[in-house]
Amino acid sequence: MSTQVSEPDNGKPSFYKKANKKYPEIFNAVEQLGTTLRKAGPIDEKTAHLIQLAAAAASKSEGAVSSHTRRALQAGASPEEIRHTLLLLVSTIGFPQVMAALSWVEEIMEK
């Protein structure tokens, strides 16, 4: 039996929680991979989550934007740093997509 290393609940969607309960080994493996990747180099955890937040916004993944917003906040990022991370993407992924990502971030920060 494996021990789960997943992040604290902190507003995770109910589907995520149900799937995690149904497939704990898969979720544990994904969490361990993320931890291993973040520890593999010199980038601190907060910056790593801001980078992953930017990638999530670029891939139009609302769930990943929400997850990395929560994780970045837990790692010490300020709301202003999170917003700035996304605003930096306007010339890369476009204004509409950045606004969508910001709306997802604001939903998380309002909780």
C-alpha atoms as a PDB file:
ATOM      1  CA  MET A   1       0.000   0.000   0.000  1.00  0.00           C
ATOM      2  CA  SER A   2       1.456   3.379  -1.010  1.00  0.00           C
ATOM      3  CA  THR A   3       1.352   6.577   0.977  1.00  0.00           C
ATOM      4  CA  GLN A   4      -0.234   9.510  -0.802  1.00  0.00           C
ATOM      5  CA  VAL A   5       1.822  12.673  -1.036  1.00  0.00           C
ATOM      6  CA  SER A   6      -0.799  14.827  -2.700  1.00  0.00           C
ATOM      7  CA  GLU A   7      -1.322  18.467  -1.841  1.00  0.00           C
ATOM      8  CA  PRO A   8      -3.825  19.402   0.864  1.00  0.00           C
ATOM      9  CA  ASP A   9      -7.454  19.655  -0.309  1.00  0.00           C
ATOM     10  CA  ASN A  10      -7.633  23.488  -0.407  1.00  0.00           C
ATOM     11  CA  GLY A  11     -10.575  23.732  -2.766  1.00  0.00           C
ATOM     12  CA  LYS A  12      -9.867  20.868  -5.141  1.00  0.00           C
ATOM     13  CA  PRO A  13     -12.823  20.059  -7.404  1.00  0.00           C
ATOM     14  CA  SER A  14     -15.030  17.191  -6.261  1.00  0.00           C
ATOM     15  CA  PHE A  15     -14.236  15.175  -9.412  1.00  0.00           C
ATOM     16  CA  TYR A  16     -10.516  15.400  -8.639  1.00  0.00           C
ATOM     17  CA  LYS A  17     -11.136  14.130  -5.111  1.00  0.00           C
ATOM     18  CA  LYS A  18     -13.305  11.245  -6.371  1.00  0.00           C
ATOM     19  CA  ALA A  19     -10.778  10.231  -9.031  1.00  0.00           C
ATOM     20  CA  ASN A  20      -7.927  10.461  -6.501  1.00  0.00           C
ATOM     21  CA  LYS A  21      -9.837   8.154  -4.175  1.00  0.00           C
ATOM     22  CA  LYS A  22     -10.564   5.689  -6.988  1.00  0.00           C
ATOM     23  CA  TYR A  23      -7.017   5.696  -8.442  1.00  0.00           C
ATOM     24  CA  PRO A  24      -4.685   6.580  -5.555  1.00  0.00           C
ATOM     25  CA  GLU A  25      -1.644   4.844  -7.044  1.00  0.00           C
ATOM     26  CA  ILE A  26      -1.871   6.916 -10.241  1.00  0.00           C
ATOM     27  CA  PHE A  27      -2.351  10.184  -8.376  1.00  0.00           C
ATOM     28  CA  ASN A  28       0.500   9.333  -6.029  1.00  0.00           C
ATOM     29  CA  ALA A  29       2.813   8.578  -8.965  1.00  0.00           C
ATOM     30  CA  VAL A  30       1.938  11.875 -10.659  1.00  0.00           C
ATOM     31  CA  GLU A  31       2.498  13.806  -7.413  1.00  0.00           C
ATOM     32  CA  GLN A  32       5.834  12.076  -6.835  1.00  0.00           C
ATOM     33  CA  LEU A  33       6.917  12.859 -10.398  1.00  0.00           C
ATOM     34  CA  GLY A  34       6.078  16.536  -9.889  1.00  0.00           C
ATOM     35  CA  THR A  35       8.021  16.619  -6.625  1.00  0.00           C
ATOM     36  CA  THR A  36      11.011  14.890  -8.233  1.00  0.00           C
ATOM     37  CA  LEU A  37      11.010  17.296 -11.182  1.00  0.00           C
ATOM     38  CA  ARG A  38      10.854  20.379  -8.934  1.00  0.00           C
ATOM     39  CA  LYS A  39      13.776  19.087  -6.836  1.00  0.00           C
ATOM     40  CA  ALA A  40      15.904  18.179  -9.893  1.00  0.00           C
ATOM     41  CA  GLY A  41      17.222  21.683 -10.447  1.00  0.00           C
ATOM     42  CA  PRO A  42      17.941  25.073  -8.948  1.00  0.00           C
ATOM     43  CA  ILE A  43      14.502  26.671  -9.418  1.00  0.00           C
ATOM     44  CA  ASP A  44      12.687  27.206  -6.127  1.00  0.00           C
ATOM     45  CA  GLU A  45       9.217  25.770  -5.559  1.00  0.00           C
ATOM     46  CA  LYS A  46       7.374  29.097  -5.851  1.00  0.00           C
ATOM     47  CA  THR A  47       8.992  29.913  -9.185  1.00  0.00           C
ATOM     48  CA  ALA A  48       8.382  26.360 -10.419  1.00  0.00           C
ATOM     49  CA  HIS A  49       4.648  26.721  -9.737  1.00  0.00           C
ATOM     50  CA  LEU A  50       4.556  30.116 -11.453  1.00  0.00           C
ATOM     51  CA  ILE A  51       6.201  28.545 -14.516  1.00  0.00           C
ATOM     52  CA  GLN A  52       3.715  25.688 -14.429  1.00  0.00           C
ATOM     53  CA  LEU A  53       0.897  28.229 -14.030  1.00  0.00           C
ATOM     54  CA  ALA A  54       2.058  29.967 -17.208  1.00  0.00           C
ATOM     55  CA  ALA A  55       2.171  26.650 -19.076  1.00  0.00           C
ATOM     56  CA  ALA A  56      -1.307  25.777 -17.797  1.00  0.00           C
ATOM     57  CA  ALA A  57      -2.659  29.098 -19.044  1.00  0.00           C
ATOM     58  CA  ALA A  58      -0.994  28.576 -22.423  1.00  0.00           C
ATOM     59  CA  SER A  59      -2.560  25.118 -22.715  1.00  0.00           C
ATOM     60  CA  LYS A  60      -5.986  26.516 -21.744  1.00  0.00           C
ATOM     61  CA  SER A  61      -6.315  24.125 -18.816  1.00  0.00           C
ATOM     62  CA  GLU A  62      -8.617  25.626 -16.207  1.00  0.00           C
ATOM     63  CA  GLY A  63      -7.950  22.767 -13.790  1.00  0.00           C
ATOM     64  CA  ALA A  64      -4.175  23.143 -14.026  1.00  0.00           C
ATOM     65  CA  VAL A  65      -4.408  26.946 -13.695  1.00  0.00           C
ATOM     66  CA  SER A  66      -6.477  26.457 -10.540  1.00  0.00           C
ATOM     67  CA  SER A  67      -4.109  23.818  -9.153  1.00  0.00           C
ATOM     68  CA  HIS A  68      -0.943  25.818  -9.784  1.00  0.00           C
ATOM     69  CA  THR A  69      -2.564  28.963  -8.406  1.00  0.00           C
ATOM     70  CA  ARG A  70      -3.258  27.113  -5.146  1.00  0.00           C
ATOM     71  CA  ARG A  71       0.201  25.563  -5.132  1.00  0.00           C
ATOM     72  CA  ALA A  72       1.948  28.862  -5.908  1.00  0.00           C
ATOM     73  CA  LEU A  73       0.074  30.544  -3.050  1.00  0.00           C
ATOM     74  CA  GLN A  74       1.058  27.687  -0.716  1.00  0.00           C
ATOM     75  CA  ALA A  75       4.683  28.082  -1.853  1.00  0.00           C
ATOM     76  CA  GLY A  76       4.645  31.779  -0.917  1.00  0.00           C
ATOM     77  CA  ALA A  77       3.675  33.545  -4.141  1.00  0.00           C
ATOM     78  CA  SER A  78       1.658  36.698  -3.666  1.00  0.00           C
ATOM     79  CA  PRO A  79      -1.558  37.327  -5.595  1.00  0.00           C
ATOM     80  CA  GLU A  80       0.306  40.107  -7.424  1.00  0.00           C
ATOM     81  CA  GLU A  81       3.062  37.689  -8.527  1.00  0.00           C
ATOM     82  CA  ILE A  82       0.443  35.248  -9.809  1.00  0.00           C
ATOM     83  CA  ARG A  83      -1.384  37.949 -11.746  1.00  0.00           C
ATOM     84  CA  HIS A  84       1.885  39.318 -13.155  1.00  0.00           C
ATOM     85  CA  THR A  85       2.924  35.824 -14.265  1.00  0.00           C
ATOM     86  CA  LEU A  86      -0.195  35.686 -16.402  1.00  0.00           C
ATOM     87  CA  LEU A  87      -0.028  39.276 -17.643  1.00  0.00           C
ATOM     88  CA  LEU A  88       3.476  38.567 -18.963  1.00  0.00           C
ATOM     89  CA  LEU A  89       1.851  36.104 -21.371  1.00  0.00           C
ATOM     90  CA  VAL A  90      -0.340  38.618 -23.233  1.00  0.00           C
ATOM     91  CA  SER A  91       2.132  39.000 -26.123  1.00  0.00           C
ATOM     92  CA  THR A  92       2.704  35.240 -26.252  1.00  0.00           C
ATOM     93  CA  ILE A  93      -0.690  33.552 -25.850  1.00  0.00           C
ATOM     94  CA  GLY A  94      -2.987  36.528 -26.411  1.00  0.00           C
ATOM     95  CA  PHE A  95      -5.157  38.850 -24.383  1.00  0.00           C
ATOM     96  CA  PRO A  96      -8.333  36.715 -24.408  1.00  0.00           C
ATOM     97  CA  GLN A  97      -6.569  33.615 -23.084  1.00  0.00           C
ATOM     98  CA  VAL A  98      -4.803  35.615 -20.373  1.00  0.00           C
ATOM     99  CA  MET A  99      -8.121  37.128 -19.311  1.00  0.00           C
ATOM    100  CA  ALA A 100      -9.656  33.650 -19.131  1.00  0.00           C
ATOM    101  CA  ALA A 101      -6.753  32.418 -16.987  1.00  0.00           C
ATOM    102  CA  LEU A 102      -6.995  35.480 -14.751  1.00  0.00           C
ATOM    103  CA  SER A 103     -10.702  34.806 -14.242  1.00  0.00           C
ATOM    104  CA  TRP A 104      -9.868  31.240 -13.110  1.00  0.00           C
ATOM    105  CA  VAL A 105      -7.162  32.591 -10.780  1.00  0.00           C
ATOM    106  CA  GLU A 106      -9.555  35.119  -9.245  1.00  0.00           C
ATOM    107  CA  GLU A 107     -12.066  32.341  -8.524  1.00  0.00           C
ATOM    108  CA  ILE A 108      -9.385  30.502  -6.537  1.00  0.00           C
ATOM    109  CA  MET A 109      -8.239  33.618  -4.690  1.00  0.00           C
ATOM    110  CA  GLU A 110     -11.811  34.497  -3.713  1.00  0.00           C
ATOM    111  CA  LYS A 111     -12.202  31.164  -1.882  1.00  0.00           C
END
